[in-house]
Amino acid sequence: MNETEAALTELSKTENPVVYKSIGSILVKSEKADMLEDLNKKKESIGIRITTIEKQEDRVKKKLEEMQKNLQKALGGQPTSG
């Protein structure tokens, strides 16, 4: 995400309507407006993925806590390490 934000920042500084983007080892001519649109879509997509992963992480943590509580009950209330 940082790389995309940096690219957006640098792209917004240029007044030239024609820019070049790197595709593999070559540079391809592109319109600044198209590049801004592509980068903004990429940034949005990355943001959605981050949010999804954070939600999954929260669910896994809650499930782990629940399993630890159940294990403690099964072991007669002995505290578990970890």
PDB file of N, CA and C in Angstrom:
ATOM      1  N   MET A   1       0.833  -1.184   0.000  1.00  0.00           N
ATOM      2  CA  MET A   1       0.000   0.000   0.000  1.00  0.00           C
ATOM      3  C   MET A   1       0.874   1.243   0.000  1.00  0.00           C
ATOM      4  N   ASN A   2       1.978   1.228   0.743  1.00  0.00           N
ATOM      5  CA  ASN A   2       2.866   2.389   0.796  1.00  0.00           C
ATOM      6  C   ASN A   2       3.426   2.723  -0.575  1.00  0.00           C
ATOM      7  N   GLU A   3       3.757   1.695  -1.340  1.00  0.00           N
ATOM      8  CA  GLU A   3       4.299   1.906  -2.682  1.00  0.00           C
ATOM      9  C   GLU A   3       3.256   2.572  -3.581  1.00  0.00           C
ATOM     10  N   THR A   4       2.018   2.146  -3.461  1.00  0.00           N
ATOM     11  CA  THR A   4       0.939   2.726  -4.263  1.00  0.00           C
ATOM     12  C   THR A   4       0.704   4.174  -3.867  1.00  0.00           C
ATOM     13  N   GLU A   5       0.698   4.451  -2.568  1.00  0.00           N
ATOM     14  CA  GLU A   5       0.509   5.822  -2.103  1.00  0.00           C
ATOM     15  C   GLU A   5       1.651   6.723  -2.550  1.00  0.00           C
ATOM     16  N   ALA A   6       2.869   6.214  -2.509  1.00  0.00           N
ATOM     17  CA  ALA A   6       4.022   6.997  -2.964  1.00  0.00           C
ATOM     18  C   ALA A   6       3.910   7.295  -4.453  1.00  0.00           C
ATOM     19  N   ALA A   7       3.471   6.317  -5.227  1.00  0.00           N
ATOM     20  CA  ALA A   7       3.300   6.522  -6.666  1.00  0.00           C
ATOM     21  C   ALA A   7       2.222   7.565  -6.935  1.00  0.00           C
ATOM     22  N   LEU A   8       1.126   7.512  -6.188  1.00  0.00           N
ATOM     23  CA  LEU A   8       0.065   8.508  -6.346  1.00  0.00           C
ATOM     24  C   LEU A   8       0.567   9.907  -6.012  1.00  0.00           C
ATOM     25  N   THR A   9       1.347  10.014  -4.948  1.00  0.00           N
ATOM     26  CA  THR A   9       1.897  11.310  -4.547  1.00  0.00           C
ATOM     27  C   THR A   9       2.794  11.876  -5.635  1.00  0.00           C
ATOM     28  N   GLU A  10       3.692  11.064  -6.132  1.00  0.00           N
ATOM     29  CA  GLU A  10       4.617  11.525  -7.171  1.00  0.00           C
ATOM     30  C   GLU A  10       3.882  11.848  -8.467  1.00  0.00           C
ATOM     31  N   LEU A  11       2.890  11.059  -8.791  1.00  0.00           N
ATOM     32  CA  LEU A  11       2.134  11.281 -10.020  1.00  0.00           C
ATOM     33  C   LEU A  11       1.340  12.582  -9.950  1.00  0.00           C
ATOM     34  N   SER A  12       0.830  12.902  -8.769  1.00  0.00           N
ATOM     35  CA  SER A  12       0.063  14.138  -8.619  1.00  0.00           C
ATOM     36  C   SER A  12       0.949  15.375  -8.732  1.00  0.00           C
ATOM     37  N   LYS A  13       2.245  15.220  -8.516  1.00  0.00           N
ATOM     38  CA  LYS A  13       3.178  16.351  -8.608  1.00  0.00           C
ATOM     39  C   LYS A  13       3.484  16.740 -10.052  1.00  0.00           C
ATOM     40  N   THR A  14       3.392  15.789 -10.964  1.00  0.00           N
ATOM     41  CA  THR A  14       3.751  16.074 -12.348  1.00  0.00           C
ATOM     42  C   THR A  14       2.603  16.756 -13.091  1.00  0.00           C
ATOM     43  N   GLU A  15       2.960  17.688 -13.945  1.00  0.00           N
ATOM     44  CA  GLU A  15       1.959  18.387 -14.747  1.00  0.00           C
ATOM     45  C   GLU A  15       1.835  17.769 -16.133  1.00  0.00           C
ATOM     46  N   ASN A  16       2.748  16.906 -16.481  1.00  0.00           N
ATOM     47  CA  ASN A  16       2.758  16.278 -17.793  1.00  0.00           C
ATOM     48  C   ASN A  16       1.613  15.264 -17.888  1.00  0.00           C
ATOM     49  N   PRO A  17       0.767  15.348 -18.935  1.00  0.00           N
ATOM     50  CA  PRO A  17      -0.344  14.397 -19.053  1.00  0.00           C
ATOM     51  C   PRO A  17       0.091  12.999 -19.500  1.00  0.00           C
ATOM     52  N   VAL A  18       1.341  12.886 -19.959  1.00  0.00           N
ATOM     53  CA  VAL A  18       1.858  11.592 -20.401  1.00  0.00           C
ATOM     54  C   VAL A  18       2.900  11.116 -19.401  1.00  0.00           C
ATOM     55  N   VAL A  19       2.733   9.887 -18.940  1.00  0.00           N
ATOM     56  CA  VAL A  19       3.674   9.294 -17.989  1.00  0.00           C
ATOM     57  C   VAL A  19       4.050   7.904 -18.491  1.00  0.00           C
ATOM     58  N   TYR A  20       4.983   7.283 -17.821  1.00  0.00           N
ATOM     59  CA  TYR A  20       5.416   5.937 -18.192  1.00  0.00           C
ATOM     60  C   TYR A  20       5.283   5.026 -16.984  1.00  0.00           C
ATOM     61  N   LYS A  21       4.814   3.819 -17.244  1.00  0.00           N
ATOM     62  CA  LYS A  21       4.722   2.843 -16.159  1.00  0.00           C
ATOM     63  C   LYS A  21       5.575   1.636 -16.504  1.00  0.00           C
ATOM     64  N   SER A  22       6.090   1.039 -15.462  1.00  0.00           N
ATOM     65  CA  SER A  22       6.967  -0.115 -15.618  1.00  0.00           C
ATOM     66  C   SER A  22       6.135  -1.387 -15.665  1.00  0.00           C
ATOM     67  N   ILE A  23       6.350  -2.148 -16.727  1.00  0.00           N
ATOM     68  CA  ILE A  23       5.721  -3.464 -16.847  1.00  0.00           C
ATOM     69  C   ILE A  23       6.854  -4.444 -17.087  1.00  0.00           C
ATOM     70  N   GLY A  24       7.196  -5.151 -16.037  1.00  0.00           N
ATOM     71  CA  GLY A  24       8.359  -6.036 -16.126  1.00  0.00           C
ATOM     72  C   GLY A  24       9.612  -5.197 -16.256  1.00  0.00           C
ATOM     73  N   SER A  25      10.354  -5.409 -17.317  1.00  0.00           N
ATOM     74  CA  SER A  25      11.603  -4.666 -17.498  1.00  0.00           C
ATOM     75  C   SER A  25      11.482  -3.573 -18.553  1.00  0.00           C
ATOM     76  N   ILE A  26      10.239  -3.254 -18.969  1.00  0.00           N
ATOM     77  CA  ILE A  26      10.067  -2.197 -19.968  1.00  0.00           C
ATOM     78  C   ILE A  26       9.187  -1.080 -19.424  1.00  0.00           C
ATOM     79  N   LEU A  27       9.300   0.098 -20.024  1.00  0.00           N
ATOM     80  CA  LEU A  27       8.453   1.232 -19.681  1.00  0.00           C
ATOM     81  C   LEU A  27       7.431   1.423 -20.790  1.00  0.00           C
ATOM     82  N   VAL A  28       6.172   1.618 -20.396  1.00  0.00           N
ATOM     83  CA  VAL A  28       5.090   1.771 -21.357  1.00  0.00           C
ATOM     84  C   VAL A  28       4.464   3.149 -21.169  1.00  0.00           C
ATOM     85  N   LYS A  29       4.250   3.849 -22.278  1.00  0.00           N
ATOM     86  CA  LYS A  29       3.640   5.173 -22.260  1.00  0.00           C
ATOM     87  C   LYS A  29       2.181   5.047 -21.828  1.00  0.00           C
ATOM     88  N   SER A  30       1.738   5.964 -20.962  1.00  0.00           N
ATOM     89  CA  SER A  30       0.380   5.915 -20.442  1.00  0.00           C
ATOM     90  C   SER A  30      -0.097   7.333 -20.159  1.00  0.00           C
ATOM     91  N   GLU A  31      -1.394   7.508 -20.113  1.00  0.00           N
ATOM     92  CA  GLU A  31      -1.971   8.800 -19.756  1.00  0.00           C
ATOM     93  C   GLU A  31      -1.985   8.935 -18.231  1.00  0.00           C
ATOM     94  N   LYS A  32      -1.688  10.131 -17.767  1.00  0.00           N
ATOM     95  CA  LYS A  32      -1.642  10.385 -16.325  1.00  0.00           C
ATOM     96  C   LYS A  32      -2.993  10.058 -15.678  1.00  0.00           C
ATOM     97  N   ALA A  33      -4.085  10.472 -16.309  1.00  0.00           N
ATOM     98  CA  ALA A  33      -5.418  10.225 -15.749  1.00  0.00           C
ATOM     99  C   ALA A  33      -5.691   8.731 -15.616  1.00  0.00           C
ATOM    100  N   ASP A  34      -5.302   7.969 -16.627  1.00  0.00           N
ATOM    101  CA  ASP A  34      -5.494   6.515 -16.569  1.00  0.00           C
ATOM    102  C   ASP A  34      -4.665   5.896 -15.454  1.00  0.00           C
ATOM    103  N   MET A  35      -3.441   6.377 -15.320  1.00  0.00           N
ATOM    104  CA  MET A  35      -2.550   5.860 -14.285  1.00  0.00           C
ATOM    105  C   MET A  35      -3.101   6.182 -12.892  1.00  0.00           C
ATOM    106  N   LEU A  36      -3.603   7.411 -12.706  1.00  0.00           N
ATOM    107  CA  LEU A  36      -4.189   7.785 -11.418  1.00  0.00           C
ATOM    108  C   LEU A  36      -5.385   6.889 -11.093  1.00  0.00           C
ATOM    109  N   GLU A  37      -6.220   6.643 -12.084  1.00  0.00           N
ATOM    110  CA  GLU A  37      -7.385   5.783 -11.881  1.00  0.00           C
ATOM    111  C   GLU A  37      -6.960   4.364 -11.501  1.00  0.00           C
ATOM    112  N   ASP A  38      -5.990   3.828 -12.215  1.00  0.00           N
ATOM    113  CA  ASP A  38      -5.498   2.478 -11.918  1.00  0.00           C
ATOM    114  C   ASP A  38      -4.921   2.387 -10.511  1.00  0.00           C
ATOM    115  N   LEU A  39      -4.119   3.380 -10.134  1.00  0.00           N
ATOM    116  CA  LEU A  39      -3.500   3.360  -8.807  1.00  0.00           C
ATOM    117  C   LEU A  39      -4.540   3.508  -7.702  1.00  0.00           C
ATOM    118  N   ASN A  40      -5.547   4.356  -7.925  1.00  0.00           N
ATOM    119  CA  ASN A  40      -6.598   4.512  -6.923  1.00  0.00           C
ATOM    120  C   ASN A  40      -7.404   3.227  -6.761  1.00  0.00           C
ATOM    121  N   LYS A  41      -7.673   2.534  -7.865  1.00  0.00           N
ATOM    122  CA  LYS A  41      -8.373   1.247  -7.784  1.00  0.00           C
ATOM    123  C   LYS A  41      -7.523   0.223  -7.035  1.00  0.00           C
ATOM    124  N   LYS A  42      -6.232   0.220  -7.321  1.00  0.00           N
ATOM    125  CA  LYS A  42      -5.321  -0.707  -6.648  1.00  0.00           C
ATOM    126  C   LYS A  42      -5.285  -0.421  -5.146  1.00  0.00           C
ATOM    127  N   LYS A  43      -5.227   0.863  -4.789  1.00  0.00           N
ATOM    128  CA  LYS A  43      -5.198   1.259  -3.378  1.00  0.00           C
ATOM    129  C   LYS A  43      -6.482   0.813  -2.676  1.00  0.00           C
ATOM    130  N   GLU A  44      -7.616   1.007  -3.327  1.00  0.00           N
ATOM    131  CA  GLU A  44      -8.896   0.596  -2.752  1.00  0.00           C
ATOM    132  C   GLU A  44      -8.945  -0.920  -2.566  1.00  0.00           C
ATOM    133  N   SER A  45      -8.482  -1.648  -3.560  1.00  0.00           N
ATOM    134  CA  SER A  45      -8.469  -3.109  -3.490  1.00  0.00           C
ATOM    135  C   SER A  45      -7.584  -3.600  -2.349  1.00  0.00           C
ATOM    136  N   ILE A  46      -6.427  -2.993  -2.195  1.00  0.00           N
ATOM    137  CA  ILE A  46      -5.521  -3.371  -1.108  1.00  0.00           C
ATOM    138  C   ILE A  46      -6.169  -3.072   0.241  1.00  0.00           C
ATOM    139  N   GLY A  47      -6.837  -1.928   0.338  1.00  0.00           N
ATOM    140  CA  GLY A  47      -7.523  -1.568   1.577  1.00  0.00           C
ATOM    141  C   GLY A  47      -8.592  -2.581   1.951  1.00  0.00           C
ATOM    142  N   ILE A  48      -9.344  -3.037   0.955  1.00  0.00           N
ATOM    143  CA  ILE A  48     -10.386  -4.040   1.197  1.00  0.00           C
ATOM    144  C   ILE A  48      -9.763  -5.349   1.663  1.00  0.00           C
ATOM    145  N   ARG A  49      -8.670  -5.742   1.034  1.00  0.00           N
ATOM    146  CA  ARG A  49      -7.989  -6.987   1.442  1.00  0.00           C
ATOM    147  C   ARG A  49      -7.477  -6.887   2.873  1.00  0.00           C
ATOM    148  N   ILE A  50      -6.905  -5.736   3.223  1.00  0.00           N
ATOM    149  CA  ILE A  50      -6.395  -5.539   4.584  1.00  0.00           C
ATOM    150  C   ILE A  50      -7.532  -5.660   5.590  1.00  0.00           C
ATOM    151  N   THR A  51      -8.654  -5.013   5.300  1.00  0.00           N
ATOM    152  CA  THR A  51      -9.809  -5.070   6.195  1.00  0.00           C
ATOM    153  C   THR A  51     -10.304  -6.502   6.359  1.00  0.00           C
ATOM    154  N   THR A  52     -10.374  -7.233   5.267  1.00  0.00           N
ATOM    155  CA  THR A  52     -10.823  -8.625   5.304  1.00  0.00           C
ATOM    156  C   THR A  52      -9.892  -9.478   6.157  1.00  0.00           C
ATOM    157  N   ILE A  53      -8.603  -9.309   5.969  1.00  0.00           N
ATOM    158  CA  ILE A  53      -7.625 -10.092   6.739  1.00  0.00           C
ATOM    159  C   ILE A  53      -7.692  -9.735   8.218  1.00  0.00           C
ATOM    160  N   GLU A  54      -7.888  -8.450   8.538  1.00  0.00           N
ATOM    161  CA  GLU A  54      -8.008  -8.048   9.943  1.00  0.00           C
ATOM    162  C   GLU A  54      -9.230  -8.688  10.591  1.00  0.00           C
ATOM    163  N   LYS A  55     -10.340  -8.752   9.858  1.00  0.00           N
ATOM    164  CA  LYS A  55     -11.547  -9.392  10.390  1.00  0.00           C
ATOM    165  C   LYS A  55     -11.314 -10.883  10.613  1.00  0.00           C
ATOM    166  N   GLN A  56     -10.640 -11.523   9.660  1.00  0.00           N
ATOM    167  CA  GLN A  56     -10.328 -12.944   9.813  1.00  0.00           C
ATOM    168  C   GLN A  56      -9.438 -13.165  11.027  1.00  0.00           C
ATOM    169  N   GLU A  57      -8.466 -12.284  11.216  1.00  0.00           N
ATOM    170  CA  GLU A  57      -7.563 -12.392  12.361  1.00  0.00           C
ATOM    171  C   GLU A  57      -8.344 -12.282  13.666  1.00  0.00           C
ATOM    172  N   ASP A  58      -9.278 -11.332  13.737  1.00  0.00           N
ATOM    173  CA  ASP A  58     -10.092 -11.175  14.941  1.00  0.00           C
ATOM    174  C   ASP A  58     -10.915 -12.433  15.221  1.00  0.00           C
ATOM    175  N   ARG A  59     -11.501 -13.007  14.167  1.00  0.00           N
ATOM    176  CA  ARG A  59     -12.298 -14.233  14.360  1.00  0.00           C
ATOM    177  C   ARG A  59     -11.430 -15.378  14.862  1.00  0.00           C
ATOM    178  N   VAL A  60     -10.234 -15.507  14.318  1.00  0.00           N
ATOM    179  CA  VAL A  60      -9.330 -16.580  14.739  1.00  0.00           C
ATOM    180  C   VAL A  60      -8.916 -16.382  16.196  1.00  0.00           C
ATOM    181  N   LYS A  61      -8.625 -15.136  16.578  1.00  0.00           N
ATOM    182  CA  LYS A  61      -8.247 -14.857  17.969  1.00  0.00           C
ATOM    183  C   LYS A  61      -9.382 -15.209  18.923  1.00  0.00           C
ATOM    184  N   LYS A  62     -10.610 -14.827  18.564  1.00  0.00           N
ATOM    185  CA  LYS A  62     -11.757 -15.134  19.416  1.00  0.00           C
ATOM    186  C   LYS A  62     -11.954 -16.645  19.532  1.00  0.00           C
ATOM    187  N   LYS A  63     -11.802 -17.334  18.423  1.00  0.00           N
ATOM    188  CA  LYS A  63     -11.943 -18.797  18.434  1.00  0.00           C
ATOM    189  C   LYS A  63     -10.865 -19.432  19.309  1.00  0.00           C
ATOM    190  N   LEU A  64      -9.644 -18.915  19.225  1.00  0.00           N
ATOM    191  CA  LEU A  64      -8.549 -19.426  20.045  1.00  0.00           C
ATOM    192  C   LEU A  64      -8.835 -19.211  21.527  1.00  0.00           C
ATOM    193  N   GLU A  65      -9.312 -18.020  21.882  1.00  0.00           N
ATOM    194  CA  GLU A  65      -9.635 -17.740  23.282  1.00  0.00           C
ATOM    195  C   GLU A  65     -10.730 -18.684  23.777  1.00  0.00           C
ATOM    196  N   GLU A  66     -11.727 -18.912  22.933  1.00  0.00           N
ATOM    197  CA  GLU A  66     -12.815 -19.820  23.297  1.00  0.00           C
ATOM    198  C   GLU A  66     -12.290 -21.240  23.503  1.00  0.00           C
ATOM    199  N   MET A  67     -11.419 -21.676  22.620  1.00  0.00           N
ATOM    200  CA  MET A  67     -10.849 -23.018  22.739  1.00  0.00           C
ATOM    201  C   MET A  67      -9.976 -23.132  23.988  1.00  0.00           C
ATOM    202  N   GLN A  68      -9.236 -22.077  24.331  1.00  0.00           N
ATOM    203  CA  GLN A  68      -8.409 -22.095  25.543  1.00  0.00           C
ATOM    204  C   GLN A  68      -9.288 -22.215  26.787  1.00  0.00           C
ATOM    205  N   LYS A  69     -10.400 -21.481  26.797  1.00  0.00           N
ATOM    206  CA  LYS A  69     -11.318 -21.562  27.937  1.00  0.00           C
ATOM    207  C   LYS A  69     -11.897 -22.968  28.066  1.00  0.00           C
ATOM    208  N   ASN A  70     -12.278 -23.541  26.934  1.00  0.00           N
ATOM    209  CA  ASN A  70     -12.821 -24.904  26.959  1.00  0.00           C
ATOM    210  C   ASN A  70     -11.775 -25.907  27.427  1.00  0.00           C
ATOM    211  N   LEU A  71     -10.544 -25.718  27.015  1.00  0.00           N
ATOM    212  CA  LEU A  71      -9.459 -26.604  27.428  1.00  0.00           C
ATOM    213  C   LEU A  71      -9.205 -26.475  28.926  1.00  0.00           C
ATOM    214  N   GLN A  72      -9.239 -25.252  29.442  1.00  0.00           N
ATOM    215  CA  GLN A  72      -9.051 -25.051  30.880  1.00  0.00           C
ATOM    216  C   GLN A  72     -10.155 -25.756  31.669  1.00  0.00           C
ATOM    217  N   LYS A  73     -11.388 -25.649  31.173  1.00  0.00           N
ATOM    218  CA  LYS A  73     -12.494 -26.333  31.849  1.00  0.00           C
ATOM    219  C   LYS A  73     -12.287 -27.845  31.814  1.00  0.00           C
ATOM    220  N   ALA A  74     -11.864 -28.337  30.673  1.00  0.00           N
ATOM    221  CA  ALA A  74     -11.656 -29.783  30.523  1.00  0.00           C
ATOM    222  C   ALA A  74     -10.523 -30.282  31.406  1.00  0.00           C
ATOM    223  N   LEU A  75      -9.535 -29.438  31.663  1.00  0.00           N
ATOM    224  CA  LEU A  75      -8.405 -29.822  32.501  1.00  0.00           C
ATOM    225  C   LEU A  75      -8.659 -29.519  33.969  1.00  0.00           C
ATOM    226  N   GLY A  76      -9.860 -29.144  34.298  1.00  0.00           N
ATOM    227  CA  GLY A  76     -10.202 -28.895  35.692  1.00  0.00           C
ATOM    228  C   GLY A  76      -9.779 -27.524  36.171  1.00  0.00           C
ATOM    229  N   GLY A  77      -9.751 -26.565  35.296  1.00  0.00           N
ATOM    230  CA  GLY A  77      -9.448 -25.200  35.691  1.00  0.00           C
ATOM    231  C   GLY A  77      -7.981 -24.876  35.795  1.00  0.00           C
ATOM    232  N   GLN A  78      -7.106 -25.777  35.382  1.00  0.00           N
ATOM    233  CA  GLN A  78      -5.672 -25.485  35.420  1.00  0.00           C
ATOM    234  C   GLN A  78      -5.344 -24.449  34.340  1.00  0.00           C
ATOM    235  N   PRO A  79      -4.557 -23.433  34.689  1.00  0.00           N
ATOM    236  CA  PRO A  79      -4.200 -22.431  33.674  1.00  0.00           C
ATOM    237  C   PRO A  79      -3.293 -23.039  32.607  1.00  0.00           C
ATOM    238  N   THR A  80      -3.519 -22.631  31.374  1.00  0.00           N
ATOM    239  CA  THR A  80      -2.681 -23.113  30.275  1.00  0.00           C
ATOM    240  C   THR A  80      -1.609 -22.088  29.979  1.00  0.00           C
ATOM    241  N   SER A  81      -0.470 -22.547  29.509  1.00  0.00           N
ATOM    242  CA  SER A  81       0.605 -21.612  29.161  1.00  0.00           C
ATOM    243  C   SER A  81       0.440 -21.185  27.721  1.00  0.00           C
ATOM    244  N   GLY A  82       0.912 -19.935  27.378  1.00  0.00           N
ATOM    245  CA  GLY A  82       0.866 -19.489  26.004  1.00  0.00           C
ATOM    246  C   GLY A  82       0.103 -18.277  25.908  1.00  0.00           C
TER     247      GLY A  82
END
